[in-house]
Amino acid sequence: VQLQASGGGLVQAGGSLRLSCVASGFTLADDAVAWFRQAPGKEREGVSCINTDGGTYYGNFMKGRITISRDTAKNTVYLEVNNMQFEDTAVYYCVRDLLNCAYDYSGAYYYNVKNLDTWGQGTLVTVSS
């Protein structure tokens, strides 16, 4: 089982970026895949998740600016981020979630770290002025 994230780079504030995560060793119909990010000096946080049935879940802090999608033929999950902000500078990771995505009481993407299995290597996104 492997996850390969790519698409990071330098982007201007206000710009857009699309990250890709290619999964191997399992199919998107069998397991959910989530995107996380870790900014310098901060803890890793859940950004978005896509379920085995294609249902989408978002964390509140980037909601409205991100879209998660997938191409089952390519076994690839995408994360599009619009209107990039300086605080979006982070390493973005994709990860397999063995328990399908869920919402917490506030309607945000909920996850249990115990169910997060097989992390990709991460792709660095840097937002500049």
C-alpha atoms as a PDB file:
ATOM      1  CA  VAL A   1       0.000   0.000   0.000  1.00  0.00           C
ATOM      2  CA  GLN A   2       1.372   3.397  -1.006  1.00  0.00           C
ATOM      3  CA  LEU A   3       0.213   6.973  -1.395  1.00  0.00           C
ATOM      4  CA  GLN A   4       2.154   9.435  -3.529  1.00  0.00           C
ATOM      5  CA  ALA A   5       1.335  13.121  -3.135  1.00  0.00           C
ATOM      6  CA  SER A   6       2.432  15.738  -5.639  1.00  0.00           C
ATOM      7  CA  GLY A   7       1.556  19.149  -7.000  1.00  0.00           C
ATOM      8  CA  GLY A   8       2.990  21.373  -4.309  1.00  0.00           C
ATOM      9  CA  GLY A   9       5.156  24.373  -5.009  1.00  0.00           C
ATOM     10  CA  LEU A  10       5.304  28.118  -4.755  1.00  0.00           C
ATOM     11  CA  VAL A  11       2.020  29.941  -5.288  1.00  0.00           C
ATOM     12  CA  GLN A  12       1.088  33.576  -4.908  1.00  0.00           C
ATOM     13  CA  ALA A  13      -1.449  34.650  -2.336  1.00  0.00           C
ATOM     14  CA  GLY A  14      -4.877  34.605  -3.926  1.00  0.00           C
ATOM     15  CA  GLY A  15      -3.833  31.938  -6.410  1.00  0.00           C
ATOM     16  CA  SER A  16      -4.949  28.336  -6.780  1.00  0.00           C
ATOM     17  CA  LEU A  17      -3.290  24.957  -6.638  1.00  0.00           C
ATOM     18  CA  ARG A  18      -4.319  21.372  -7.280  1.00  0.00           C
ATOM     19  CA  LEU A  19      -2.636  18.580  -5.371  1.00  0.00           C
ATOM     20  CA  SER A  20      -2.734  14.952  -6.462  1.00  0.00           C
ATOM     21  CA  CYS A  21      -2.504  11.748  -4.462  1.00  0.00           C
ATOM     22  CA  VAL A  22      -2.009   8.496  -6.347  1.00  0.00           C
ATOM     23  CA  ALA A  23      -2.996   5.417  -4.374  1.00  0.00           C
ATOM     24  CA  SER A  24      -1.625   1.937  -4.980  1.00  0.00           C
ATOM     25  CA  GLY A  25      -2.230  -1.360  -3.254  1.00  0.00           C
ATOM     26  CA  PHE A  26      -5.890  -0.559  -2.611  1.00  0.00           C
ATOM     27  CA  THR A  27      -8.750   1.072  -4.482  1.00  0.00           C
ATOM     28  CA  LEU A  28     -10.706   4.203  -3.682  1.00  0.00           C
ATOM     29  CA  ALA A  29     -13.864   2.103  -3.728  1.00  0.00           C
ATOM     30  CA  ASP A  30     -12.546   0.160  -0.746  1.00  0.00           C
ATOM     31  CA  ASP A  31     -10.965   2.843   1.463  1.00  0.00           C
ATOM     32  CA  ALA A  32     -11.375   6.535   2.137  1.00  0.00           C
ATOM     33  CA  VAL A  33      -8.528   8.948   1.533  1.00  0.00           C
ATOM     34  CA  ALA A  34      -7.958  12.172   3.415  1.00  0.00           C
ATOM     35  CA  TRP A  35      -5.747  15.225   3.064  1.00  0.00           C
ATOM     36  CA  PHE A  36      -3.913  16.654   6.057  1.00  0.00           C
ATOM     37  CA  ARG A  37      -1.506  19.509   6.359  1.00  0.00           C
ATOM     38  CA  GLN A  38       1.223  20.507   8.789  1.00  0.00           C
ATOM     39  CA  ALA A  39       2.383  24.096   8.953  1.00  0.00           C
ATOM     40  CA  PRO A  40       5.778  24.984  10.449  1.00  0.00           C
ATOM     41  CA  GLY A  41       5.666  24.667  14.217  1.00  0.00           C
ATOM     42  CA  LYS A  42       2.081  23.436  14.242  1.00  0.00           C
ATOM     43  CA  GLU A  43       0.342  20.116  14.616  1.00  0.00           C
ATOM     44  CA  ARG A  44      -0.922  18.143  11.671  1.00  0.00           C
ATOM     45  CA  GLU A  45      -4.579  18.918  10.934  1.00  0.00           C
ATOM     46  CA  GLY A  46      -7.234  17.287   8.815  1.00  0.00           C
ATOM     47  CA  VAL A  47      -8.235  19.230   5.719  1.00  0.00           C
ATOM     48  CA  SER A  48     -10.647  17.029   3.816  1.00  0.00           C
ATOM     49  CA  CYS A  49     -11.711  13.451   3.197  1.00  0.00           C
ATOM     50  CA  ILE A  50     -13.404  11.562   0.403  1.00  0.00           C
ATOM     51  CA  ASN A  51     -15.401   8.445   1.168  1.00  0.00           C
ATOM     52  CA  THR A  52     -15.548   5.151  -0.643  1.00  0.00           C
ATOM     53  CA  ASP A  53     -18.823   6.264  -2.217  1.00  0.00           C
ATOM     54  CA  GLY A  54     -17.383   9.627  -3.259  1.00  0.00           C
ATOM     55  CA  GLY A  55     -18.937  11.596  -0.408  1.00  0.00           C
ATOM     56  CA  THR A  56     -16.857  14.615   0.613  1.00  0.00           C
ATOM     57  CA  TYR A  57     -16.026  16.030   4.029  1.00  0.00           C
ATOM     58  CA  TYR A  58     -14.227  19.240   4.907  1.00  0.00           C
ATOM     59  CA  GLY A  59     -12.541  20.766   7.908  1.00  0.00           C
ATOM     60  CA  ASN A  60     -14.050  24.106   8.883  1.00  0.00           C
ATOM     61  CA  PHE A  61     -10.869  26.149   8.646  1.00  0.00           C
ATOM     62  CA  MET A  62     -10.537  25.913   4.849  1.00  0.00           C
ATOM     63  CA  LYS A  63     -14.151  25.313   3.956  1.00  0.00           C
ATOM     64  CA  GLY A  64     -15.325  27.246   0.927  1.00  0.00           C
ATOM     65  CA  ARG A  65     -11.845  27.394  -0.567  1.00  0.00           C
ATOM     66  CA  ILE A  66     -11.148  23.724  -1.136  1.00  0.00           C
ATOM     67  CA  THR A  67     -12.589  20.930  -3.222  1.00  0.00           C
ATOM     68  CA  ILE A  68     -11.684  17.286  -2.869  1.00  0.00           C
ATOM     69  CA  SER A  69     -12.379  14.952  -5.784  1.00  0.00           C
ATOM     70  CA  ARG A  70     -11.233  11.674  -7.205  1.00  0.00           C
ATOM     71  CA  ASP A  71     -10.677   9.787 -10.440  1.00  0.00           C
ATOM     72  CA  THR A  72     -11.357   6.130  -9.727  1.00  0.00           C
ATOM     73  CA  ALA A  73      -9.918   5.060 -13.084  1.00  0.00           C
ATOM     74  CA  LYS A  74      -6.594   6.617 -12.076  1.00  0.00           C
ATOM     75  CA  ASN A  75      -7.026   5.716  -8.386  1.00  0.00           C
ATOM     76  CA  THR A  76      -6.142   9.311  -7.649  1.00  0.00           C
ATOM     77  CA  VAL A  77      -7.534  11.845  -5.195  1.00  0.00           C
ATOM     78  CA  TYR A  78      -7.217  15.574  -5.818  1.00  0.00           C
ATOM     79  CA  LEU A  79      -7.338  18.597  -3.553  1.00  0.00           C
ATOM     80  CA  GLU A  80      -7.939  21.963  -5.148  1.00  0.00           C
ATOM     81  CA  VAL A  81      -7.270  25.017  -3.041  1.00  0.00           C
ATOM     82  CA  ASN A  82      -8.436  28.441  -4.163  1.00  0.00           C
ATOM     83  CA  ASN A  83      -7.676  31.914  -2.867  1.00  0.00           C
ATOM     84  CA  MET A  84      -4.485  30.703  -1.212  1.00  0.00           C
ATOM     85  CA  GLN A  85      -3.568  32.457   2.036  1.00  0.00           C
ATOM     86  CA  PHE A  86      -0.175  32.800   3.717  1.00  0.00           C
ATOM     87  CA  GLU A  87      -1.380  30.505   6.490  1.00  0.00           C
ATOM     88  CA  ASP A  88      -1.919  27.757   3.910  1.00  0.00           C
ATOM     89  CA  THR A  89       1.857  27.326   3.720  1.00  0.00           C
ATOM     90  CA  ALA A  90       2.399  23.758   4.901  1.00  0.00           C
ATOM     91  CA  VAL A  91       3.355  20.245   3.922  1.00  0.00           C
ATOM     92  CA  TYR A  92       0.245  18.542   2.606  1.00  0.00           C
ATOM     93  CA  TYR A  93      -0.131  14.810   3.123  1.00  0.00           C
ATOM     94  CA  CYS A  94      -2.624  12.257   1.912  1.00  0.00           C
ATOM     95  CA  VAL A  95      -3.484   9.279   4.059  1.00  0.00           C
ATOM     96  CA  ARG A  96      -5.724   6.251   3.931  1.00  0.00           C
ATOM     97  CA  ASP A  97      -8.547   6.349   6.470  1.00  0.00           C
ATOM     98  CA  LEU A  98      -9.571   2.813   7.343  1.00  0.00           C
ATOM     99  CA  LEU A  99     -12.822   4.052   8.803  1.00  0.00           C
ATOM    100  CA  ASN A 100     -14.950   5.988   6.357  1.00  0.00           C
ATOM    101  CA  CYS A 101     -14.977   9.773   6.681  1.00  0.00           C
ATOM    102  CA  ALA A 102     -17.344  11.309   9.190  1.00  0.00           C
ATOM    103  CA  TYR A 103     -18.539  14.632  10.582  1.00  0.00           C
ATOM    104  CA  ASP A 104     -18.121  15.862  14.110  1.00  0.00           C
ATOM    105  CA  TYR A 105     -20.851  17.737  16.037  1.00  0.00           C
ATOM    106  CA  SER A 106     -19.926  21.019  14.279  1.00  0.00           C
ATOM    107  CA  GLY A 107     -20.224  19.532  10.790  1.00  0.00           C
ATOM    108  CA  ALA A 108     -16.477  19.426  10.196  1.00  0.00           C
ATOM    109  CA  TYR A 109     -14.445  16.476   8.988  1.00  0.00           C
ATOM    110  CA  TYR A 110     -13.844  14.198  11.947  1.00  0.00           C
ATOM    111  CA  TYR A 111     -11.058  11.669  12.180  1.00  0.00           C
ATOM    112  CA  ASN A 112      -9.492   9.290  14.659  1.00  0.00           C
ATOM    113  CA  VAL A 113      -5.717   9.041  14.270  1.00  0.00           C
ATOM    114  CA  LYS A 114      -5.934   5.341  15.119  1.00  0.00           C
ATOM    115  CA  ASN A 115      -7.725   4.791  11.802  1.00  0.00           C
ATOM    116  CA  LEU A 116      -5.206   6.706   9.706  1.00  0.00           C
ATOM    117  CA  ASP A 117      -3.027   4.193   7.950  1.00  0.00           C
ATOM    118  CA  THR A 118      -0.316   4.652   5.337  1.00  0.00           C
ATOM    119  CA  TRP A 119       0.776   8.261   4.952  1.00  0.00           C
ATOM    120  CA  GLY A 120       2.155   9.640   1.725  1.00  0.00           C
ATOM    121  CA  GLN A 121       5.472  11.488   1.783  1.00  0.00           C
ATOM    122  CA  GLY A 122       3.912  14.945   1.675  1.00  0.00           C
ATOM    123  CA  THR A 123       4.180  17.804  -0.779  1.00  0.00           C
ATOM    124  CA  LEU A 124       5.277  21.291   0.264  1.00  0.00           C
ATOM    125  CA  VAL A 125       3.077  24.259  -0.546  1.00  0.00           C
ATOM    126  CA  THR A 126       4.500  27.735  -0.014  1.00  0.00           C
ATOM    127  CA  VAL A 127       2.325  30.811  -0.386  1.00  0.00           C
ATOM    128  CA  SER A 128       4.161  34.013  -1.242  1.00  0.00           C
ATOM    129  CA  SER A 129       3.173  37.635  -1.656  1.00  0.00           C
END
